[in-house]
Every structure is written in structure tokens, then in C-alpha cells.
PDB file of N, CA and C in Angstrom:
ATOM      1  N   MET A   1      11.181   9.553  18.207  1.00  0.00           N
ATOM      2  CA  MET A   1       9.834   9.835  18.653  1.00  0.00           C
ATOM      3  C   MET A   1       9.098   8.505  18.869  1.00  0.00           C
ATOM      4  N   ASN A   2       8.439   8.381  20.001  1.00  0.00           N
ATOM      5  CA  ASN A   2       7.606   7.206  20.285  1.00  0.00           C
ATOM      6  C   ASN A   2       6.193   7.464  19.777  1.00  0.00           C
ATOM      7  N   LYS A   3       5.597   6.422  19.188  1.00  0.00           N
ATOM      8  CA  LYS A   3       4.269   6.573  18.581  1.00  0.00           C
ATOM      9  C   LYS A   3       3.331   5.476  19.053  1.00  0.00           C
ATOM     10  N   LYS A   4       2.054   5.793  19.029  1.00  0.00           N
ATOM     11  CA  LYS A   4       0.968   4.825  19.203  1.00  0.00           C
ATOM     12  C   LYS A   4      -0.046   5.105  18.113  1.00  0.00           C
ATOM     13  N   PHE A   5      -0.743   4.045  17.723  1.00  0.00           N
ATOM     14  CA  PHE A   5      -1.779   4.144  16.703  1.00  0.00           C
ATOM     15  C   PHE A   5      -3.079   3.689  17.350  1.00  0.00           C
ATOM     16  N   VAL A   6      -4.058   4.557  17.331  1.00  0.00           N
ATOM     17  CA  VAL A   6      -5.324   4.308  18.011  1.00  0.00           C
ATOM     18  C   VAL A   6      -6.427   4.150  16.974  1.00  0.00           C
ATOM     19  N   ILE A   7      -7.248   3.107  17.146  1.00  0.00           N
ATOM     20  CA  ILE A   7      -8.458   2.986  16.350  1.00  0.00           C
ATOM     21  C   ILE A   7      -9.550   3.731  17.106  1.00  0.00           C
ATOM     22  N   GLU A   8     -10.202   4.651  16.423  1.00  0.00           N
ATOM     23  CA  GLU A   8     -11.307   5.398  17.025  1.00  0.00           C
ATOM     24  C   GLU A   8     -12.533   5.282  16.137  1.00  0.00           C
ATOM     25  N   ASP A   9     -13.676   5.013  16.758  1.00  0.00           N
ATOM     26  CA  ASP A   9     -14.945   5.149  16.053  1.00  0.00           C
ATOM     27  C   ASP A   9     -15.303   6.622  16.147  1.00  0.00           C
ATOM     28  N   GLU A  10     -15.013   7.347  15.088  1.00  0.00           N
ATOM     29  CA  GLU A  10     -15.193   8.796  15.073  1.00  0.00           C
ATOM     30  C   GLU A  10     -16.650   9.178  15.292  1.00  0.00           C
ATOM     31  N   SER A  11     -17.579   8.384  14.797  1.00  0.00           N
ATOM     32  CA  SER A  11     -19.003   8.694  14.921  1.00  0.00           C
ATOM     33  C   SER A  11     -19.473   8.725  16.371  1.00  0.00           C
ATOM     34  N   HIS A  12     -18.851   7.910  17.223  1.00  0.00           N
ATOM     35  CA  HIS A  12     -19.276   7.808  18.617  1.00  0.00           C
ATOM     36  C   HIS A  12     -18.184   8.249  19.591  1.00  0.00           C
ATOM     37  N   ALA A  13     -17.076   8.782  19.065  1.00  0.00           N
ATOM     38  CA  ALA A  13     -15.952   9.250  19.883  1.00  0.00           C
ATOM     39  C   ALA A  13     -15.486   8.174  20.856  1.00  0.00           C
ATOM     40  N   GLU A  14     -15.361   6.935  20.345  1.00  0.00           N
ATOM     41  CA  GLU A  14     -14.931   5.803  21.163  1.00  0.00           C
ATOM     42  C   GLU A  14     -13.580   5.292  20.693  1.00  0.00           C
ATOM     43  N   TRP A  15     -12.614   5.241  21.606  1.00  0.00           N
ATOM     44  CA  TRP A  15     -11.352   4.588  21.300  1.00  0.00           C
ATOM     45  C   TRP A  15     -11.581   3.097  21.311  1.00  0.00           C
ATOM     46  N   GLN A  16     -11.044   2.418  20.310  1.00  0.00           N
ATOM     47  CA  GLN A  16     -11.263   0.985  20.130  1.00  0.00           C
ATOM     48  C   GLN A  16      -9.984   0.166  20.267  1.00  0.00           C
ATOM     49  N   GLY A  17      -8.918   0.767  20.736  1.00  0.00           N
ATOM     50  CA  GLY A  17      -7.678   0.035  20.955  1.00  0.00           C
ATOM     51  C   GLY A  17      -6.459   0.833  20.563  1.00  0.00           C
ATOM     52  N   GLU A  18      -5.336   0.492  21.211  1.00  0.00           N
ATOM     53  CA  GLU A  18      -4.047   1.123  20.932  1.00  0.00           C
ATOM     54  C   GLU A  18      -3.097   0.072  20.364  1.00  0.00           C
ATOM     55  N   TYR A  19      -2.316   0.478  19.362  1.00  0.00           N
ATOM     56  CA  TYR A  19      -1.422  -0.446  18.657  1.00  0.00           C
ATOM     57  C   TYR A  19      -0.058   0.202  18.491  1.00  0.00           C
ATOM     58  N   ASP A  20       0.965  -0.633  18.389  1.00  0.00           N
ATOM     59  CA  ASP A  20       2.332  -0.138  18.243  1.00  0.00           C
ATOM     60  C   ASP A  20       2.681   0.258  16.819  1.00  0.00           C
ATOM     61  N   SER A  21       1.880  -0.193  15.841  1.00  0.00           N
ATOM     62  CA  SER A  21       2.153   0.167  14.445  1.00  0.00           C
ATOM     63  C   SER A  21       0.844   0.374  13.685  1.00  0.00           C
ATOM     64  N   PHE A  22       0.951   1.128  12.605  1.00  0.00           N
ATOM     65  CA  PHE A  22      -0.193   1.339  11.727  1.00  0.00           C
ATOM     66  C   PHE A  22      -0.680   0.007  11.167  1.00  0.00           C
ATOM     67  N   GLU A  23       0.281  -0.851  10.809  1.00  0.00           N
ATOM     68  CA  GLU A  23      -0.051  -2.155  10.226  1.00  0.00           C
ATOM     69  C   GLU A  23      -0.855  -3.024  11.196  1.00  0.00           C
ATOM     70  N   ASP A  24      -0.508  -2.982  12.488  1.00  0.00           N
ATOM     71  CA  ASP A  24      -1.263  -3.754  13.485  1.00  0.00           C
ATOM     72  C   ASP A  24      -2.710  -3.248  13.597  1.00  0.00           C
ATOM     73  N   ALA A  25      -2.873  -1.942  13.541  1.00  0.00           N
ATOM     74  CA  ALA A  25      -4.223  -1.370  13.600  1.00  0.00           C
ATOM     75  C   ALA A  25      -5.022  -1.755  12.349  1.00  0.00           C
ATOM     76  N   VAL A  26      -4.378  -1.750  11.197  1.00  0.00           N
ATOM     77  CA  VAL A  26      -5.045  -2.148   9.950  1.00  0.00           C
ATOM     78  C   VAL A  26      -5.472  -3.616  10.031  1.00  0.00           C
ATOM     79  N   LYS A  27      -4.627  -4.480  10.569  1.00  0.00           N
ATOM     80  CA  LYS A  27      -4.977  -5.898  10.704  1.00  0.00           C
ATOM     81  C   LYS A  27      -6.239  -6.070  11.546  1.00  0.00           C
ATOM     82  N   GLU A  28      -6.354  -5.295  12.615  1.00  0.00           N
ATOM     83  CA  GLU A  28      -7.562  -5.368  13.449  1.00  0.00           C
ATOM     84  C   GLU A  28      -8.788  -4.926  12.655  1.00  0.00           C
ATOM     85  N   LEU A  29      -8.658  -3.872  11.882  1.00  0.00           N
ATOM     86  CA  LEU A  29      -9.807  -3.411  11.097  1.00  0.00           C
ATOM     87  C   LEU A  29     -10.146  -4.361   9.960  1.00  0.00           C
ATOM     88  N   GLU A  30      -9.164  -5.070   9.435  1.00  0.00           N
ATOM     89  CA  GLU A  30      -9.451  -6.101   8.428  1.00  0.00           C
ATOM     90  C   GLU A  30     -10.329  -7.192   9.032  1.00  0.00           C
ATOM     91  N   LYS A  31     -10.083  -7.548  10.286  1.00  0.00           N
ATOM     92  CA  LYS A  31     -10.931  -8.528  10.977  1.00  0.00           C
ATOM     93  C   LYS A  31     -12.345  -7.980  11.146  1.00  0.00           C
ATOM     94  N   ARG A  32     -12.443  -6.720  11.554  1.00  0.00           N
ATOM     95  CA  ARG A  32     -13.758  -6.108  11.785  1.00  0.00           C
ATOM     96  C   ARG A  32     -14.555  -5.948  10.500  1.00  0.00           C
ATOM     97  N   ARG A  33     -13.856  -5.803   9.389  1.00  0.00           N
ATOM     98  CA  ARG A  33     -14.528  -5.669   8.090  1.00  0.00           C
ATOM     99  C   ARG A  33     -15.396  -6.891   7.798  1.00  0.00           C
ATOM    100  N   ASP A  34     -14.983  -8.049   8.297  1.00  0.00           N
ATOM    101  CA  ASP A  34     -15.698  -9.300   8.033  1.00  0.00           C
ATOM    102  C   ASP A  34     -16.730  -9.648   9.100  1.00  0.00           C
ATOM    103  N   ILE A  35     -16.849  -8.818  10.137  1.00  0.00           N
ATOM    104  CA  ILE A  35     -17.847  -9.038  11.189  1.00  0.00           C
ATOM    105  C   ILE A  35     -19.110  -8.272  10.811  1.00  0.00           C
ATOM    106  N   PRO A  36     -20.292  -8.889  10.916  1.00  0.00           N
ATOM    107  CA  PRO A  36     -21.531  -8.178  10.575  1.00  0.00           C
ATOM    108  C   PRO A  36     -21.712  -6.908  11.407  1.00  0.00           C
ATOM    109  N   TRP A  37     -22.428  -5.951  10.860  1.00  0.00           N
ATOM    110  CA  TRP A  37     -22.636  -4.648  11.488  1.00  0.00           C
ATOM    111  C   TRP A  37     -23.383  -4.744  12.822  1.00  0.00           C
ATOM    112  N   ASN A  38     -24.152  -5.819  13.011  1.00  0.00           N
ATOM    113  CA  ASN A  38     -24.972  -5.926  14.225  1.00  0.00           C
ATOM    114  C   ASN A  38     -24.368  -6.868  15.262  1.00  0.00           C
ATOM    115  N   GLU A  39     -23.060  -7.154  15.129  1.00  0.00           N
ATOM    116  CA  GLU A  39     -22.353  -7.983  16.103  1.00  0.00           C
ATOM    117  C   GLU A  39     -21.175  -7.192  16.677  1.00  0.00           C
ATOM    118  N   LYS A  40     -20.838  -7.499  17.940  1.00  0.00           N
ATOM    119  CA  LYS A  40     -19.691  -6.840  18.577  1.00  0.00           C
ATOM    120  C   LYS A  40     -18.425  -7.170  17.809  1.00  0.00           C
ATOM    121  N   PRO A  41     -17.523  -6.254  17.623  1.00  0.00           N
ATOM    122  CA  PRO A  41     -17.504  -4.886  18.139  1.00  0.00           C
ATOM    123  C   PRO A  41     -18.153  -3.868  17.198  1.00  0.00           C
ATOM    124  N   ASN A  42     -18.748  -4.320  16.091  1.00  0.00           N
ATOM    125  CA  ASN A  42     -19.309  -3.382  15.113  1.00  0.00           C
ATOM    126  C   ASN A  42     -20.665  -2.807  15.500  1.00  0.00           C
ATOM    127  N   VAL A  43     -21.416  -3.488  16.353  1.00  0.00           N
ATOM    128  CA  VAL A  43     -22.719  -2.954  16.744  1.00  0.00           C
ATOM    129  C   VAL A  43     -22.512  -1.631  17.490  1.00  0.00           C
ATOM    130  N   CYS A  44     -23.316  -0.646  17.154  1.00  0.00           N
ATOM    131  CA  CYS A  44     -23.157   0.686  17.733  1.00  0.00           C
ATOM    132  C   CYS A  44     -23.713   0.739  19.158  1.00  0.00           C
ATOM    133  N   PRO A  45     -23.147   1.614  19.987  1.00  0.00           N
ATOM    134  CA  PRO A  45     -23.578   1.712  21.381  1.00  0.00           C
ATOM    135  C   PRO A  45     -24.853   2.539  21.575  1.00  0.00           C
ATOM    136  N   CYS A  46     -25.323   3.190  20.547  1.00  0.00           N
ATOM    137  CA  CYS A  46     -26.459   4.101  20.688  1.00  0.00           C
ATOM    138  C   CYS A  46     -27.789   3.366  20.543  1.00  0.00           C
ATOM    139  N   THR A  47     -28.859   4.014  20.955  1.00  0.00           N
ATOM    140  CA  THR A  47     -30.179   3.392  20.890  1.00  0.00           C
ATOM    141  C   THR A  47     -30.674   3.252  19.451  1.00  0.00           C
ATOM    142  N   SER A  48     -30.126   4.018  18.543  1.00  0.00           N
ATOM    143  CA  SER A  48     -30.511   3.924  17.130  1.00  0.00           C
ATOM    144  C   SER A  48     -29.534   3.056  16.339  1.00  0.00           C
ATOM    145  N   TRP A  49     -28.979   2.043  16.987  1.00  0.00           N
ATOM    146  CA  TRP A  49     -27.930   1.216  16.373  1.00  0.00           C
ATOM    147  C   TRP A  49     -28.375   0.538  15.076  1.00  0.00           C
ATOM    148  N   LYS A  50     -29.674   0.302  14.916  1.00  0.00           N
ATOM    149  CA  LYS A  50     -30.143  -0.382  13.695  1.00  0.00           C
ATOM    150  C   LYS A  50     -29.972   0.474  12.449  1.00  0.00           C
ATOM    151  N   THR A  51     -29.949   1.782  12.628  1.00  0.00           N
ATOM    152  CA  THR A  51     -29.783   2.683  11.485  1.00  0.00           C
ATOM    153  C   THR A  51     -28.474   3.453  11.533  1.00  0.00           C
ATOM    154  N   CYS A  52     -27.669   3.174  12.539  1.00  0.00           N
ATOM    155  CA  CYS A  52     -26.401   3.868  12.725  1.00  0.00           C
ATOM    156  C   CYS A  52     -25.262   3.034  12.138  1.00  0.00           C
ATOM    157  N   GLY A  53     -24.052   3.481  12.327  1.00  0.00           N
ATOM    158  CA  GLY A  53     -22.887   2.749  11.853  1.00  0.00           C
ATOM    159  C   GLY A  53     -21.644   3.190  12.574  1.00  0.00           C
ATOM    160  N   ARG A  54     -20.562   2.508  12.274  1.00  0.00           N
ATOM    161  CA  ARG A  54     -19.255   2.838  12.840  1.00  0.00           C
ATOM    162  C   ARG A  54     -18.390   3.452  11.747  1.00  0.00           C
ATOM    163  N   SER A  55     -17.591   4.430  12.138  1.00  0.00           N
ATOM    164  CA  SER A  55     -16.657   5.090  11.233  1.00  0.00           C
ATOM    165  C   SER A  55     -15.275   4.994  11.880  1.00  0.00           C
ATOM    166  N   TYR A  56     -14.507   3.975  11.477  1.00  0.00           N
ATOM    167  CA  TYR A  56     -13.227   3.686  12.114  1.00  0.00           C
ATOM    168  C   TYR A  56     -12.089   4.475  11.466  1.00  0.00           C
ATOM    169  N   GLU A  57     -11.383   5.217  12.298  1.00  0.00           N
ATOM    170  CA  GLU A  57     -10.198   5.944  11.873  1.00  0.00           C
ATOM    171  C   GLU A  57      -8.992   5.405  12.636  1.00  0.00           C
ATOM    172  N   ILE A  58      -7.823   5.523  12.024  1.00  0.00           N
ATOM    173  CA  ILE A  58      -6.585   5.235  12.730  1.00  0.00           C
ATOM    174  C   ILE A  58      -5.905   6.578  12.972  1.00  0.00           C
ATOM    175  N   ILE A  59      -5.624   6.842  14.250  1.00  0.00           N
ATOM    176  CA  ILE A  59      -4.993   8.098  14.642  1.00  0.00           C
ATOM    177  C   ILE A  59      -3.564   7.798  15.105  1.00  0.00           C
ATOM    178  N   GLU A  60      -2.623   8.513  14.551  1.00  0.00           N
ATOM    179  CA  GLU A  60      -1.221   8.374  14.940  1.00  0.00           C
ATOM    180  C   GLU A  60      -0.897   9.457  15.970  1.00  0.00           C
ATOM    181  N   PHE A  61      -0.319   9.028  17.095  1.00  0.00           N
ATOM    182  CA  PHE A  61       0.036   9.954  18.170  1.00  0.00           C
ATOM    183  C   PHE A  61       1.528   9.897  18.470  1.00  0.00           C
ATOM    184  N   ASN A  62       2.081  11.049  18.816  1.00  0.00           N
ATOM    185  CA  ASN A  62       3.405  11.142  19.413  1.00  0.00           C
ATOM    186  C   ASN A  62       3.184  10.986  20.915  1.00  0.00           C
ATOM    187  N   THR A  63       3.717   9.907  21.494  1.00  0.00           N
ATOM    188  CA  THR A  63       3.493   9.630  22.914  1.00  0.00           C
ATOM    189  C   THR A  63       4.595  10.200  23.801  1.00  0.00           C
ATOM    190  N   ASP A  64       5.528  10.955  23.220  1.00  0.00           N
ATOM    191  CA  ASP A  64       6.574  11.595  24.025  1.00  0.00           C
ATOM    192  C   ASP A  64       6.033  12.808  24.784  1.00  0.00           C
ATOM    193  N   THR A  65       4.891  13.306  24.393  1.00  0.00           N
ATOM    194  CA  THR A  65       4.308  14.483  25.028  1.00  0.00           C
ATOM    195  C   THR A  65       3.132  14.071  25.912  1.00  0.00           C
ATOM    196  N   ARG A  66       2.800  14.909  26.867  1.00  0.00           N
ATOM    197  CA  ARG A  66       1.616  14.699  27.719  1.00  0.00           C
ATOM    198  C   ARG A  66       0.766  15.949  27.641  1.00  0.00           C
ATOM    199  N   PRO A  67      -0.431  15.950  27.193  1.00  0.00           N
ATOM    200  CA  PRO A  67      -1.091  14.787  26.592  1.00  0.00           C
ATOM    201  C   PRO A  67      -0.460  14.444  25.245  1.00  0.00           C
ATOM    202  N   TRP A  68      -0.794  13.234  24.744  1.00  0.00           N
ATOM    203  CA  TRP A  68      -0.267  12.810  23.451  1.00  0.00           C
ATOM    204  C   TRP A  68      -0.619  13.831  22.378  1.00  0.00           C
ATOM    205  N   LYS A  69       0.287  14.005  21.435  1.00  0.00           N
ATOM    206  CA  LYS A  69       0.045  14.934  20.319  1.00  0.00           C
ATOM    207  C   LYS A  69      -0.371  14.150  19.087  1.00  0.00           C
ATOM    208  N   GLU A  70      -1.524  14.510  18.526  1.00  0.00           N
ATOM    209  CA  GLU A  70      -1.993  13.858  17.306  1.00  0.00           C
ATOM    210  C   GLU A  70      -1.126  14.287  16.130  1.00  0.00           C
ATOM    211  N   ILE A  71      -0.674  13.291  15.355  1.00  0.00           N
ATOM    212  CA  ILE A  71       0.163  13.547  14.184  1.00  0.00           C
ATOM    213  C   ILE A  71      -0.644  13.413  12.901  1.00  0.00           C
ATOM    214  N   ASN A  72      -1.462  12.367  12.834  1.00  0.00           N
ATOM    215  CA  ASN A  72      -2.204  12.080  11.605  1.00  0.00           C
ATOM    216  C   ASN A  72      -3.470  11.313  11.958  1.00  0.00           C
ATOM    217  N   ARG A  73      -4.480  11.462  11.111  1.00  0.00           N
ATOM    218  CA  ARG A  73      -5.755  10.751  11.282  1.00  0.00           C
ATOM    219  C   ARG A  73      -6.214  10.310   9.896  1.00  0.00           C
ATOM    220  N   GLN A  74      -6.615   9.034   9.785  1.00  0.00           N
ATOM    221  CA  GLN A  74      -7.007   8.511   8.482  1.00  0.00           C
ATOM    222  C   GLN A  74      -8.245   7.627   8.622  1.00  0.00           C
ATOM    223  N   LEU A  75      -9.283   7.932   7.848  1.00  0.00           N
ATOM    224  CA  LEU A  75     -10.469   7.082   7.786  1.00  0.00           C
ATOM    225  C   LEU A  75     -10.099   5.797   7.061  1.00  0.00           C
ATOM    226  N   VAL A  76     -10.420   4.637   7.687  1.00  0.00           N
ATOM    227  CA  VAL A  76     -10.047   3.350   7.102  1.00  0.00           C
ATOM    228  C   VAL A  76     -11.265   2.495   6.770  1.00  0.00           C
ATOM    229  N   LEU A  77     -12.282   2.496   7.640  1.00  0.00           N
ATOM    230  CA  LEU A  77     -13.406   1.569   7.468  1.00  0.00           C
ATOM    231  C   LEU A  77     -14.688   2.182   7.998  1.00  0.00           C
ATOM    232  N   GLU A  78     -15.761   2.050   7.223  1.00  0.00           N
ATOM    233  CA  GLU A  78     -17.108   2.375   7.691  1.00  0.00           C
ATOM    234  C   GLU A  78     -17.943   1.107   7.636  1.00  0.00           C
ATOM    235  N   VAL A  79     -18.715   0.849   8.694  1.00  0.00           N
ATOM    236  CA  VAL A  79     -19.557  -0.338   8.788  1.00  0.00           C
ATOM    237  C   VAL A  79     -20.965   0.118   9.154  1.00  0.00           C
ATOM    238  N   SER A  80     -21.957  -0.326   8.371  1.00  0.00           N
ATOM    239  CA  SER A  80     -23.358  -0.011   8.666  1.00  0.00           C
ATOM    240  C   SER A  80     -24.237  -1.154   8.185  1.00  0.00           C
ATOM    241  N   SER A  81     -25.532  -1.023   8.396  1.00  0.00           N
ATOM    242  CA  SER A  81     -26.464  -2.052   7.931  1.00  0.00           C
ATOM    243  C   SER A  81     -26.489  -2.128   6.408  1.00  0.00           C
ATOM    244  N   LYS A  82     -26.092  -1.050   5.749  1.00  0.00           N
ATOM    245  CA  LYS A  82     -26.110  -1.011   4.285  1.00  0.00           C
ATOM    246  C   LYS A  82     -24.875  -1.624   3.655  1.00  0.00           C
ATOM    247  N   GLU A  83     -23.696  -1.367   4.279  1.00  0.00           N
ATOM    248  CA  GLU A  83     -22.458  -1.832   3.665  1.00  0.00           C
ATOM    249  C   GLU A  83     -21.272  -1.677   4.598  1.00  0.00           C
ATOM    250  N   SER A  84     -20.193  -2.324   4.225  1.00  0.00           N
ATOM    251  CA  SER A  84     -18.883  -2.066   4.804  1.00  0.00           C
ATOM    252  C   SER A  84     -18.053  -1.439   3.699  1.00  0.00           C
ATOM    253  N   LYS A  85     -17.444  -0.313   4.001  1.00  0.00           N
ATOM    254  CA  LYS A  85     -16.680   0.408   2.988  1.00  0.00           C
ATOM    255  C   LYS A  85     -15.242   0.574   3.467  1.00  0.00           C
ATOM    256  N   TRP A  86     -14.295   0.076   2.690  1.00  0.00           N
ATOM    257  CA  TRP A  86     -12.874   0.101   2.984  1.00  0.00           C
ATOM    258  C   TRP A  86     -12.242   1.254   2.242  1.00  0.00           C
ATOM    259  N   PHE A  87     -11.433   2.075   2.920  1.00  0.00           N
ATOM    260  CA  PHE A  87     -10.875   3.277   2.310  1.00  0.00           C
ATOM    261  C   PHE A  87      -9.389   3.196   1.983  1.00  0.00           C
ATOM    262  N   LEU A  88      -8.702   2.144   2.428  1.00  0.00           N
ATOM    263  CA  LEU A  88      -7.280   2.001   2.097  1.00  0.00           C
ATOM    264  C   LEU A  88      -7.125   1.344   0.737  1.00  0.00           C
ATOM    265  N   LYS A  89      -6.084   1.725   0.039  1.00  0.00           N
ATOM    266  CA  LYS A  89      -5.808   1.122  -1.262  1.00  0.00           C
ATOM    267  C   LYS A  89      -4.836   0.008  -1.120  1.00  0.00           C
TER     268      LYS A  89
END
């Protein structure tokens, strides 16, 4: 089975990139964890961005099917003006 791992900001239904492995997607989110909430790519696209936040999930897809079939979804990182919260152990 061929797979892709997609970072999605679940709060805004925005895909934030496709990766060949879960580990590659986690590495990208580790970088974003250290970026302030009001700087790209963490700044929200909505007009209420000052009080909003990003909720990053990694979604695993089977790419052998059209459309891709979702296999798993995991919340990894939330970023807001209040805090950054990491959900992986």
C-alpha cells in the first residue's frame, strides 16, 4: 500500500503539506512549534487571527485509491496566542 501523510490545520480545513512518512510530517511540526503564533505559517488566515489558533493534525492516507482513503488522523500540535501545545509523547 502506498501512503502519504498530510498536515492539516483542522480548524481552518487547510492542507499544510504532503510528506512521505509520519516522521517527516512530525519534523515539520517540530519546526512550527518554535515559530510564534503570529508569524507564517502559524498566523491564521481568518480576520479574527489575533484570538484564533491553528490545530495541526497529521492524516495518513492510502494513495492507491482515488480519491485517497483516510487511514488515520492524529492531533499533534495546537498553536495560539496563549500557548503552543504538543500532543505527541
